[in-house]
N, C-alpha and C. Protein backbone atom coordinates (compact mmCIF):
# COMPACT_ATOMS: atom_id res chain seq x y z
N MET A 1 21.91 -9.91 23.76
CA MET A 1 22.03 -10.61 25.01
C MET A 1 23.51 -10.74 25.34
N ALA A 2 23.88 -10.50 26.59
CA ALA A 2 25.27 -10.55 27.01
C ALA A 2 25.74 -12.00 27.12
N LYS A 3 26.97 -12.21 26.72
CA LYS A 3 27.54 -13.55 26.84
C LYS A 3 28.08 -13.75 28.24
N TYR A 4 28.09 -14.98 28.68
CA TYR A 4 28.63 -15.31 29.98
C TYR A 4 30.15 -15.31 29.88
N ASP A 5 30.81 -14.59 30.77
CA ASP A 5 32.28 -14.51 30.77
C ASP A 5 32.83 -15.57 31.71
N LEU A 6 33.47 -16.58 31.15
CA LEU A 6 34.02 -17.66 31.95
C LEU A 6 35.21 -17.23 32.80
N LYS A 7 35.80 -16.09 32.48
CA LYS A 7 36.99 -15.63 33.22
C LYS A 7 36.62 -14.83 34.47
N SER A 8 35.39 -14.34 34.55
CA SER A 8 35.01 -13.55 35.73
C SER A 8 34.67 -14.49 36.87
N PRO A 9 35.03 -14.08 38.11
CA PRO A 9 34.73 -14.94 39.26
C PRO A 9 33.23 -14.93 39.56
N PRO A 10 32.71 -16.04 40.06
CA PRO A 10 31.29 -16.06 40.42
C PRO A 10 31.05 -15.20 41.66
N PHE A 11 29.85 -14.73 41.84
CA PHE A 11 29.50 -13.96 43.05
C PHE A 11 28.27 -14.59 43.67
N PRO A 12 28.13 -14.45 44.99
CA PRO A 12 26.98 -15.06 45.69
C PRO A 12 25.66 -14.48 45.20
N ALA A 13 24.65 -15.30 45.24
CA ALA A 13 23.32 -14.88 44.80
C ALA A 13 22.80 -13.71 45.63
N THR A 14 23.18 -13.68 46.91
CA THR A 14 22.68 -12.60 47.78
C THR A 14 23.19 -11.24 47.35
N GLU A 15 24.36 -11.19 46.73
CA GLU A 15 24.88 -9.91 46.23
C GLU A 15 24.10 -9.42 45.03
N ALA A 16 23.44 -10.31 44.34
CA ALA A 16 22.60 -9.93 43.20
C ALA A 16 21.17 -9.64 43.63
N GLY A 17 20.90 -9.70 44.94
CA GLY A 17 19.57 -9.44 45.46
C GLY A 17 18.67 -10.66 45.44
N LEU A 18 19.26 -11.83 45.21
CA LEU A 18 18.48 -13.07 45.19
C LEU A 18 18.58 -13.77 46.53
N PRO A 19 17.61 -14.61 46.88
CA PRO A 19 17.69 -15.34 48.14
C PRO A 19 18.82 -16.36 48.09
N ASN A 20 19.34 -16.69 49.25
CA ASN A 20 20.40 -17.68 49.35
C ASN A 20 19.80 -19.05 49.05
N PRO A 21 20.26 -19.72 47.98
CA PRO A 21 19.66 -21.00 47.62
C PRO A 21 20.00 -22.13 48.59
N ILE A 22 21.02 -21.94 49.41
CA ILE A 22 21.44 -22.99 50.34
C ILE A 22 20.69 -22.89 51.66
N GLN A 23 20.40 -21.68 52.09
CA GLN A 23 19.72 -21.46 53.36
C GLN A 23 18.21 -21.60 53.16
N PRO A 24 17.53 -22.41 53.99
CA PRO A 24 16.07 -22.55 53.83
C PRO A 24 15.38 -21.24 54.18
N PRO A 25 14.23 -20.98 53.58
CA PRO A 25 13.51 -19.74 53.90
C PRO A 25 13.05 -19.75 55.36
N SER A 26 12.96 -18.58 55.94
CA SER A 26 12.53 -18.48 57.34
C SER A 26 11.04 -18.74 57.44
N ALA A 27 10.60 -19.11 58.64
CA ALA A 27 9.18 -19.38 58.88
C ALA A 27 8.39 -18.08 58.88
N GLU A 28 9.01 -17.00 59.30
CA GLU A 28 8.35 -15.70 59.35
C GLU A 28 8.62 -14.94 58.05
N PRO A 29 7.60 -14.39 57.42
CA PRO A 29 7.86 -13.58 56.23
C PRO A 29 8.57 -12.29 56.63
N PRO A 30 9.42 -11.76 55.77
CA PRO A 30 10.14 -10.54 56.12
C PRO A 30 9.18 -9.36 56.20
N LYS A 31 9.49 -8.42 57.09
CA LYS A 31 8.68 -7.22 57.20
C LYS A 31 9.06 -6.29 56.06
N ILE A 32 8.09 -5.90 55.31
CA ILE A 32 8.31 -4.98 54.21
C ILE A 32 7.72 -3.64 54.63
N ASP A 33 8.41 -2.57 54.31
CA ASP A 33 7.94 -1.22 54.58
C ASP A 33 8.18 -0.80 56.02
N GLY A 34 9.00 -1.52 56.76
CA GLY A 34 9.45 -1.11 58.08
C GLY A 34 8.37 -0.71 59.05
N GLY A 35 7.38 -1.53 59.26
CA GLY A 35 6.37 -1.28 60.28
C GLY A 35 5.18 -0.50 59.80
N ALA A 36 4.85 -0.59 58.54
CA ALA A 36 3.69 0.13 58.02
C ALA A 36 2.40 -0.34 58.70
N GLN A 37 2.36 -1.59 59.09
CA GLN A 37 1.17 -2.12 59.76
C GLN A 37 0.92 -1.35 61.06
N ASP A 38 1.97 -1.05 61.80
CA ASP A 38 1.82 -0.29 63.04
C ASP A 38 1.28 1.11 62.73
N ASP A 39 1.76 1.71 61.64
CA ASP A 39 1.29 3.04 61.25
C ASP A 39 -0.19 3.00 60.90
N ASP A 40 -0.61 1.93 60.19
CA ASP A 40 -2.01 1.80 59.83
C ASP A 40 -2.88 1.64 61.07
N GLU A 41 -2.41 0.87 62.04
CA GLU A 41 -3.18 0.68 63.27
C GLU A 41 -3.30 1.98 64.04
N ALA A 42 -2.22 2.75 64.09
CA ALA A 42 -2.26 4.04 64.79
C ALA A 42 -3.21 5.00 64.07
N ALA A 43 -3.19 4.99 62.73
CA ALA A 43 -4.09 5.86 61.97
C ALA A 43 -5.54 5.45 62.20
N TYR A 44 -5.80 4.15 62.26
CA TYR A 44 -7.15 3.66 62.53
C TYR A 44 -7.63 4.15 63.90
N GLU A 45 -6.79 3.99 64.91
CA GLU A 45 -7.17 4.42 66.27
C GLU A 45 -7.42 5.92 66.31
N ARG A 46 -6.61 6.67 65.59
CA ARG A 46 -6.80 8.12 65.54
C ARG A 46 -8.14 8.45 64.89
N GLY A 47 -8.49 7.70 63.85
CA GLY A 47 -9.78 7.89 63.20
C GLY A 47 -10.94 7.54 64.12
N VAL A 48 -10.80 6.46 64.89
CA VAL A 48 -11.86 6.08 65.84
C VAL A 48 -12.10 7.20 66.84
N GLU A 49 -11.03 7.74 67.38
CA GLU A 49 -11.16 8.82 68.37
C GLU A 49 -11.83 10.04 67.75
N ALA A 50 -11.47 10.36 66.50
CA ALA A 50 -12.09 11.50 65.82
C ALA A 50 -13.56 11.22 65.54
N GLY A 51 -13.89 10.00 65.19
CA GLY A 51 -15.27 9.64 64.90
C GLY A 51 -16.16 9.64 66.13
N LYS A 52 -15.59 9.38 67.29
CA LYS A 52 -16.36 9.37 68.54
C LYS A 52 -16.78 10.78 68.96
N LYS A 53 -15.99 11.79 68.56
CA LYS A 53 -16.31 13.16 68.95
C LYS A 53 -17.57 13.61 68.24
N GLU A 54 -18.36 14.39 68.93
CA GLU A 54 -19.60 14.87 68.33
C GLU A 54 -19.40 16.17 67.57
N SER A 55 -18.19 16.65 67.51
CA SER A 55 -17.91 17.90 66.81
C SER A 55 -17.84 17.66 65.30
N LYS A 56 -17.59 18.73 64.58
CA LYS A 56 -17.48 18.67 63.12
C LYS A 56 -16.43 17.65 62.70
N ALA A 57 -16.63 17.03 61.55
CA ALA A 57 -15.71 16.01 61.05
C ALA A 57 -14.28 16.56 60.95
N GLU A 58 -13.35 15.81 61.53
CA GLU A 58 -11.95 16.20 61.49
C GLU A 58 -11.38 15.79 60.13
N LYS A 59 -10.57 16.67 59.54
CA LYS A 59 -9.99 16.37 58.24
C LYS A 59 -8.96 15.25 58.38
N ASN A 60 -8.96 14.36 57.40
CA ASN A 60 -8.01 13.24 57.40
C ASN A 60 -6.60 13.80 57.26
N PRO A 61 -5.71 13.57 58.24
CA PRO A 61 -4.38 14.17 58.22
C PRO A 61 -3.36 13.42 57.35
N TYR A 62 -3.76 12.32 56.75
CA TYR A 62 -2.82 11.49 55.99
C TYR A 62 -2.94 11.74 54.49
N PRO A 63 -1.86 11.50 53.75
CA PRO A 63 -1.89 11.72 52.30
C PRO A 63 -2.98 10.88 51.62
N GLU A 64 -3.66 11.49 50.64
CA GLU A 64 -4.71 10.78 49.92
C GLU A 64 -4.15 9.52 49.28
N GLU A 65 -4.98 8.51 49.18
CA GLU A 65 -4.65 7.23 48.55
C GLU A 65 -3.60 6.42 49.30
N SER A 66 -3.19 6.85 50.49
CA SER A 66 -2.22 6.07 51.27
C SER A 66 -2.98 5.06 52.11
N SER A 67 -2.29 4.02 52.55
CA SER A 67 -2.93 3.01 53.38
C SER A 67 -3.33 3.61 54.73
N ARG A 68 -2.56 4.58 55.22
CA ARG A 68 -2.91 5.22 56.49
C ARG A 68 -4.18 6.05 56.35
N ALA A 69 -4.37 6.70 55.20
CA ALA A 69 -5.59 7.49 54.98
C ALA A 69 -6.81 6.58 54.97
N LYS A 70 -6.69 5.42 54.33
CA LYS A 70 -7.79 4.46 54.31
C LYS A 70 -8.08 3.94 55.72
N ALA A 71 -7.01 3.64 56.47
CA ALA A 71 -7.19 3.14 57.84
C ALA A 71 -7.88 4.20 58.70
N TYR A 72 -7.49 5.47 58.53
CA TYR A 72 -8.12 6.57 59.29
C TYR A 72 -9.60 6.66 58.95
N GLU A 73 -9.94 6.57 57.65
CA GLU A 73 -11.34 6.65 57.24
C GLU A 73 -12.16 5.52 57.85
N HIS A 74 -11.62 4.31 57.83
CA HIS A 74 -12.34 3.17 58.42
C HIS A 74 -12.52 3.38 59.92
N GLY A 75 -11.48 3.86 60.58
CA GLY A 75 -11.57 4.13 62.01
C GLY A 75 -12.59 5.22 62.31
N TYR A 76 -12.62 6.26 61.47
CA TYR A 76 -13.57 7.35 61.67
C TYR A 76 -15.00 6.84 61.59
N LEU A 77 -15.28 6.03 60.57
CA LEU A 77 -16.64 5.48 60.42
C LEU A 77 -17.00 4.56 61.58
N ASP A 78 -16.03 3.76 62.02
CA ASP A 78 -16.29 2.89 63.16
C ASP A 78 -16.51 3.71 64.43
N GLY A 79 -15.78 4.80 64.57
CA GLY A 79 -15.96 5.68 65.72
C GLY A 79 -17.34 6.30 65.73
N GLN A 80 -17.85 6.67 64.56
CA GLN A 80 -19.21 7.20 64.47
C GLN A 80 -20.24 6.14 64.87
N LYS A 81 -20.00 4.91 64.47
CA LYS A 81 -20.91 3.82 64.84
C LYS A 81 -20.92 3.61 66.35
N ILE A 82 -19.75 3.69 66.96
CA ILE A 82 -19.65 3.54 68.42
C ILE A 82 -20.44 4.65 69.09
N ARG A 83 -20.27 5.88 68.58
CA ARG A 83 -20.97 7.03 69.15
C ARG A 83 -22.47 6.86 69.00
N SER A 84 -22.94 6.38 67.84
CA SER A 84 -24.38 6.25 67.63
C SER A 84 -24.96 5.11 68.47
N ASP A 85 -24.15 4.11 68.79
CA ASP A 85 -24.62 3.02 69.63
C ASP A 85 -24.81 3.47 71.09
N ASP A 86 -24.10 4.53 71.48
CA ASP A 86 -24.22 5.03 72.85
C ASP A 86 -25.51 5.79 73.07
N LYS A 87 -26.13 6.29 71.99
CA LYS A 87 -27.34 7.10 72.12
C LYS A 87 -28.56 6.18 72.23
N PRO A 88 -29.51 6.57 73.05
CA PRO A 88 -30.74 5.75 73.14
C PRO A 88 -31.55 5.89 71.85
N PRO A 89 -32.29 4.84 71.47
CA PRO A 89 -33.11 4.93 70.24
C PRO A 89 -34.22 5.94 70.43
N HIS A 90 -34.61 6.57 69.34
CA HIS A 90 -35.68 7.61 69.39
C HIS A 90 -37.00 6.98 69.12
């Protein structure tokens, strides 16, 4: 374990990647991943539009296991449900 060097000057907590202990936390949580939520919503909408089409299933354009791929799949299934609701019962 490293010893604390009393001769070195202290540095602010923010430079070490820690929150500022003097400033209160903000009411809004910080956005992590730079707008991933918007990407998920766009992927969902794209899936809905693909699911509404009566043509062959469109391949998921997003990387496997990504949150956008899951959002697209959910949108696709919801789009199919919308399409099936438009048809009269047999």
